[in-house]
N, C-alpha and C. Protein backbone atom coordinates (compact mmCIF):
# COMPACT_ATOMS: atom_id res chain seq x y z
N MET A 1 -93.98 -41.57 46.66
CA MET A 1 -93.35 -42.93 46.56
C MET A 1 -91.83 -42.92 45.93
N LYS A 2 -90.83 -43.36 46.24
CA LYS A 2 -89.64 -43.30 45.68
C LYS A 2 -89.53 -44.54 44.75
N THR A 3 -88.88 -44.08 43.60
CA THR A 3 -88.62 -45.46 42.51
C THR A 3 -87.58 -44.94 41.64
N THR A 4 -87.09 -45.56 40.69
CA THR A 4 -86.22 -45.24 39.49
C THR A 4 -86.79 -44.10 38.57
N PRO A 5 -85.85 -43.67 38.15
CA PRO A 5 -86.11 -42.84 37.10
C PRO A 5 -87.25 -43.12 36.13
N ARG A 6 -87.00 -44.23 35.51
CA ARG A 6 -88.34 -44.82 34.54
C ARG A 6 -89.53 -45.27 35.01
N GLY A 7 -89.50 -45.57 36.50
CA GLY A 7 -90.60 -45.88 37.33
C GLY A 7 -91.26 -44.16 37.80
N THR A 8 -90.60 -43.09 37.79
CA THR A 8 -91.16 -42.01 38.06
C THR A 8 -91.79 -41.34 36.78
N VAL A 9 -91.15 -41.68 35.51
CA VAL A 9 -91.96 -41.13 34.16
C VAL A 9 -93.09 -42.27 34.10
N ASP A 10 -93.31 -43.47 34.57
CA ASP A 10 -94.04 -44.19 34.39
C ASP A 10 -95.29 -43.74 35.31
N ALA A 11 -95.21 -43.44 36.49
CA ALA A 11 -96.01 -42.52 37.54
C ALA A 11 -96.60 -41.38 36.70
N PHE A 12 -95.79 -40.60 36.19
CA PHE A 12 -96.28 -39.52 35.49
C PHE A 12 -96.93 -39.69 34.65
N ALA A 13 -97.01 -40.62 33.93
CA ALA A 13 -97.94 -40.91 32.78
C ALA A 13 -99.05 -41.19 32.93
N ASP A 14 -98.97 -42.16 34.34
CA ASP A 14 -100.69 -42.61 34.98
C ASP A 14 -101.17 -41.69 35.90
N GLY A 15 -100.20 -40.33 35.99
CA GLY A 15 -100.95 -39.19 37.18
C GLY A 15 -100.74 -39.38 38.45
N ARG A 16 -99.70 -40.16 38.76
CA ARG A 16 -99.27 -40.36 40.33
C ARG A 16 -98.22 -39.57 40.65
N ARG A 17 -97.97 -39.60 41.89
CA ARG A 17 -96.86 -38.93 42.40
C ARG A 17 -95.57 -39.95 42.63
N ALA A 18 -94.22 -39.36 42.34
CA ALA A 18 -93.14 -40.13 42.49
C ALA A 18 -91.77 -39.69 42.13
N ILE A 19 -90.87 -39.85 42.92
CA ILE A 19 -89.62 -39.36 42.99
C ILE A 19 -88.61 -40.38 42.68
N GLY A 20 -87.65 -40.34 41.57
CA GLY A 20 -86.49 -41.19 40.93
C GLY A 20 -85.21 -40.62 41.23
N GLY A 21 -84.71 -40.47 42.39
CA GLY A 21 -83.34 -39.55 42.22
C GLY A 21 -83.52 -38.12 42.05
N THR A 22 -82.94 -37.69 40.88
CA THR A 22 -83.32 -36.09 40.51
C THR A 22 -84.16 -36.06 39.64
N LEU A 23 -85.20 -36.79 39.33
CA LEU A 23 -86.50 -36.76 38.63
C LEU A 23 -87.74 -36.85 39.60
N MET A 24 -88.34 -35.95 39.47
CA MET A 24 -89.85 -36.17 40.30
C MET A 24 -91.20 -35.50 39.54
N THR A 25 -92.25 -36.04 39.96
CA THR A 25 -93.26 -35.85 39.46
C THR A 25 -94.37 -35.58 40.45
N ASP A 26 -95.28 -34.66 40.04
CA ASP A 26 -96.58 -34.76 41.35
C ASP A 26 -97.82 -35.00 40.57
N GLY A 27 -97.40 -35.67 39.57
CA GLY A 27 -98.52 -36.56 38.67
C GLY A 27 -98.92 -35.73 37.54
N ARG A 28 -98.87 -34.40 37.68
CA ARG A 28 -99.19 -33.34 36.27
C ARG A 28 -98.13 -32.99 35.64
N SER A 29 -96.96 -32.78 36.49
CA SER A 29 -95.91 -32.18 35.64
C SER A 29 -94.56 -33.19 36.22
N LEU A 30 -93.40 -33.03 35.42
CA LEU A 30 -92.20 -33.73 35.37
C LEU A 30 -91.38 -32.56 35.43
N TRP A 31 -90.30 -33.00 36.61
CA TRP A 31 -89.16 -32.16 36.73
C TRP A 31 -87.72 -33.02 36.48
N SER A 32 -87.08 -32.44 36.08
CA SER A 32 -85.24 -33.00 36.13
C SER A 32 -84.44 -31.78 36.87
N TYR A 33 -83.93 -32.44 37.96
CA TYR A 33 -83.27 -31.33 38.59
C TYR A 33 -83.83 -29.92 38.83
N GLY A 34 -85.17 -30.08 38.97
CA GLY A 34 -86.23 -29.03 39.31
C GLY A 34 -86.47 -28.11 38.43
N MET A 35 -86.17 -28.41 37.10
CA MET A 35 -86.65 -27.85 36.06
C MET A 35 -87.92 -28.78 35.15
N LYS A 36 -88.68 -28.11 34.91
CA LYS A 36 -89.94 -28.61 34.32
C LYS A 36 -89.79 -29.65 32.86
N ILE A 37 -89.82 -30.70 32.78
CA ILE A 37 -89.60 -31.13 31.18
C ILE A 37 -90.49 -31.48 30.56
N ALA A 38 -91.88 -32.12 31.25
CA ALA A 38 -93.11 -32.69 31.03
C ALA A 38 -94.06 -32.00 31.33
N GLN A 39 -95.11 -31.82 30.80
CA GLN A 39 -96.79 -31.72 31.43
C GLN A 39 -97.77 -32.50 30.61
N ARG A 40 -98.83 -32.91 31.58
CA ARG A 40 -100.09 -33.70 31.24
C ARG A 40 -100.88 -32.70 31.07
N THR A 41 -101.39 -33.10 29.55
CA THR A 41 -102.57 -31.70 29.23
C THR A 41 -103.62 -32.63 28.67
N THR A 42 -105.05 -31.90 28.62
CA THR A 42 -106.02 -32.57 28.43
C THR A 42 -106.01 -33.49 26.91
N GLU A 43 -104.92 -32.89 26.27
CA GLU A 43 -104.44 -33.36 24.79
C GLU A 43 -103.44 -34.50 25.17
N GLY A 44 -102.75 -34.54 26.07
CA GLY A 44 -101.94 -35.69 26.40
C GLY A 44 -100.58 -35.20 26.71
N ILE A 45 -99.59 -35.84 26.91
CA ILE A 45 -98.38 -35.56 27.47
C ILE A 45 -97.27 -34.64 26.61
N VAL A 46 -97.14 -33.70 27.14
CA VAL A 46 -96.03 -32.76 26.08
C VAL A 46 -94.67 -32.56 26.59
N VAL A 47 -93.67 -32.79 26.09
CA VAL A 47 -92.30 -33.14 26.58
C VAL A 47 -91.57 -31.93 26.00
N GLY A 48 -90.92 -31.16 26.57
CA GLY A 48 -89.63 -30.52 25.78
C GLY A 48 -88.35 -31.05 25.60
N ASP A 49 -88.07 -30.75 24.32
CA ASP A 49 -86.77 -31.61 24.00
C ASP A 49 -85.66 -30.71 25.04
N TYR A 50 -85.48 -31.18 25.89
CA TYR A 50 -83.94 -30.09 26.46
C TYR A 50 -82.89 -31.63 26.39
N THR A 51 -82.51 -31.79 24.91
CA THR A 51 -81.48 -32.57 24.71
C THR A 51 -80.44 -31.92 23.18
N ARG A 52 -79.57 -32.39 23.42
CA ARG A 52 -78.31 -31.66 22.35
C ARG A 52 -79.29 -31.54 21.05
N THR A 53 -79.76 -32.92 20.66
CA THR A 53 -80.60 -32.67 19.17
C THR A 53 -81.70 -31.74 19.16
N GLY A 54 -82.38 -31.77 20.34
CA GLY A 54 -83.67 -30.76 20.43
C GLY A 54 -83.24 -29.37 20.61
N GLY A 55 -81.82 -29.10 20.88
CA GLY A 55 -81.67 -27.53 20.86
C GLY A 55 -81.62 -26.87 22.16
N GLY A 56 -81.80 -27.96 23.27
CA GLY A 56 -82.07 -27.38 24.69
C GLY A 56 -81.18 -28.34 25.64
N PHE A 57 -80.24 -28.57 24.98
CA PHE A 57 -79.16 -29.47 26.07
C PHE A 57 -78.96 -28.77 27.58
N MET A 58 -79.26 -29.21 28.74
CA MET A 58 -79.15 -28.63 29.78
C MET A 58 -78.06 -29.94 30.50
N SER A 59 -77.87 -31.11 30.69
CA SER A 59 -76.94 -31.96 31.12
C SER A 59 -77.36 -33.46 30.52
N ARG A 60 -76.51 -34.15 30.77
CA ARG A 60 -76.39 -35.74 30.34
C ARG A 60 -77.60 -36.11 30.85
N THR A 61 -77.66 -36.03 32.28
CA THR A 61 -78.80 -36.65 32.93
C THR A 61 -80.08 -36.17 32.48
N THR A 62 -80.45 -35.06 32.31
CA THR A 62 -81.60 -34.13 32.01
C THR A 62 -81.81 -34.80 30.55
N SER A 63 -81.01 -35.16 29.68
CA SER A 63 -81.16 -35.64 28.27
C SER A 63 -81.76 -37.11 28.54
N LYS A 64 -81.57 -37.87 29.50
CA LYS A 64 -81.73 -39.26 29.73
C LYS A 64 -83.25 -39.17 30.21
N HIS A 65 -83.54 -38.00 31.23
CA HIS A 65 -84.96 -38.09 31.58
C HIS A 65 -86.02 -37.65 30.46
N VAL A 66 -85.54 -36.75 29.53
CA VAL A 66 -86.27 -36.42 28.76
C VAL A 66 -86.37 -37.37 27.56
N ALA A 67 -85.29 -38.31 27.44
CA ALA A 67 -85.58 -39.73 26.23
C ALA A 67 -86.62 -40.53 27.29
N LEU A 68 -86.47 -40.80 28.48
CA LEU A 68 -87.46 -41.32 29.02
C LEU A 68 -88.83 -40.80 28.78
N ALA A 69 -88.95 -39.59 28.87
CA ALA A 69 -90.40 -38.89 28.82
C ALA A 69 -91.01 -39.17 27.36
N LYS A 70 -89.96 -39.04 26.59
CA LYS A 70 -90.52 -38.85 25.13
C LYS A 70 -91.12 -40.12 24.75
N GLN A 71 -90.64 -41.32 25.53
CA GLN A 71 -91.48 -42.48 25.04
C GLN A 71 -92.93 -42.55 25.30
N LYS A 72 -93.47 -41.77 26.50
CA LYS A 72 -94.81 -41.58 26.73
C LYS A 72 -95.65 -40.30 26.12
N ALA A 73 -94.64 -39.53 25.02
CA ALA A 73 -95.17 -38.34 24.75
C ALA A 73 -96.17 -38.36 23.95
N HIS A 74 -97.18 -37.33 23.71
CA HIS A 74 -98.06 -37.34 22.59
C HIS A 74 -97.43 -36.01 21.81
N THR A 75 -96.86 -35.34 22.58
CA THR A 75 -96.31 -33.87 21.61
C THR A 75 -94.88 -33.81 22.37
N ILE A 76 -93.54 -33.30 21.39
CA ILE A 76 -92.54 -33.04 21.50
C ILE A 76 -92.41 -31.83 21.27
N MET A 77 -91.95 -30.77 22.16
CA MET A 77 -91.49 -29.05 21.58
C MET A 77 -90.39 -28.87 21.97
N LEU A 78 -90.11 -28.03 21.14
CA LEU A 78 -88.75 -26.96 21.17
C LEU A 78 -88.93 -26.32 22.60
N PRO A 79 -87.73 -26.65 23.12
CA PRO A 79 -87.42 -25.89 24.39
C PRO A 79 -88.13 -24.64 25.05
N GLU A 80 -87.95 -23.71 23.90
CA GLU A 80 -87.77 -22.16 23.99
C GLU A 80 -90.04 -22.61 24.22
N LEU A 81 -90.55 -22.90 23.33
CA LEU A 81 -91.89 -23.02 23.04
C LEU A 81 -92.68 -23.85 24.60
N PHE A 82 -92.10 -24.66 24.75
CA PHE A 82 -92.33 -25.60 25.87
C PHE A 82 -92.32 -24.63 27.24
N THR A 83 -91.09 -24.11 27.62
CA THR A 83 -90.97 -23.03 28.52
C THR A 83 -92.10 -21.84 28.46
N GLU A 84 -92.22 -21.63 27.41
CA GLU A 84 -93.12 -20.30 27.19
C GLU A 84 -94.79 -20.71 27.57
N LEU A 85 -95.20 -22.18 26.99
CA LEU A 85 -96.41 -22.23 27.55
C LEU A 85 -96.61 -23.18 28.63
N TYR A 86 -95.70 -23.81 29.34
CA TYR A 86 -95.65 -24.57 30.70
C TYR A 86 -94.73 -24.50 31.54
N ALA A 87 -93.83 -23.34 31.75
CA ALA A 87 -92.81 -23.32 32.45
C ALA A 87 -93.97 -22.56 33.96
N GLU A 88 -94.73 -21.93 33.73
CA GLU A 88 -95.48 -21.19 35.15
C GLU A 88 -96.81 -22.25 35.50
N ARG A 89 -96.92 -23.20 35.09
CA ARG A 89 -98.12 -24.06 35.23
C ARG A 89 -97.64 -25.03 36.30
């Protein structure tokens, strides 16, 4: 389903597929420009803090996507730990 970035994050939080421009989800993971930025787990939603303040700045757009995902997050991780734990899932 095509939607806005906010709609894509909402779909991700609900476990549904969606694409909003350069942000997409299969309902389990959330990608910004093809880079995984969030993962649904049995404990809740985990977001990698790919922002300037989180130490993992990639781009302004990815930072905006992360900010939207953080609104649904149960856990926010440093980018290095997020990548280590969830990059291959």
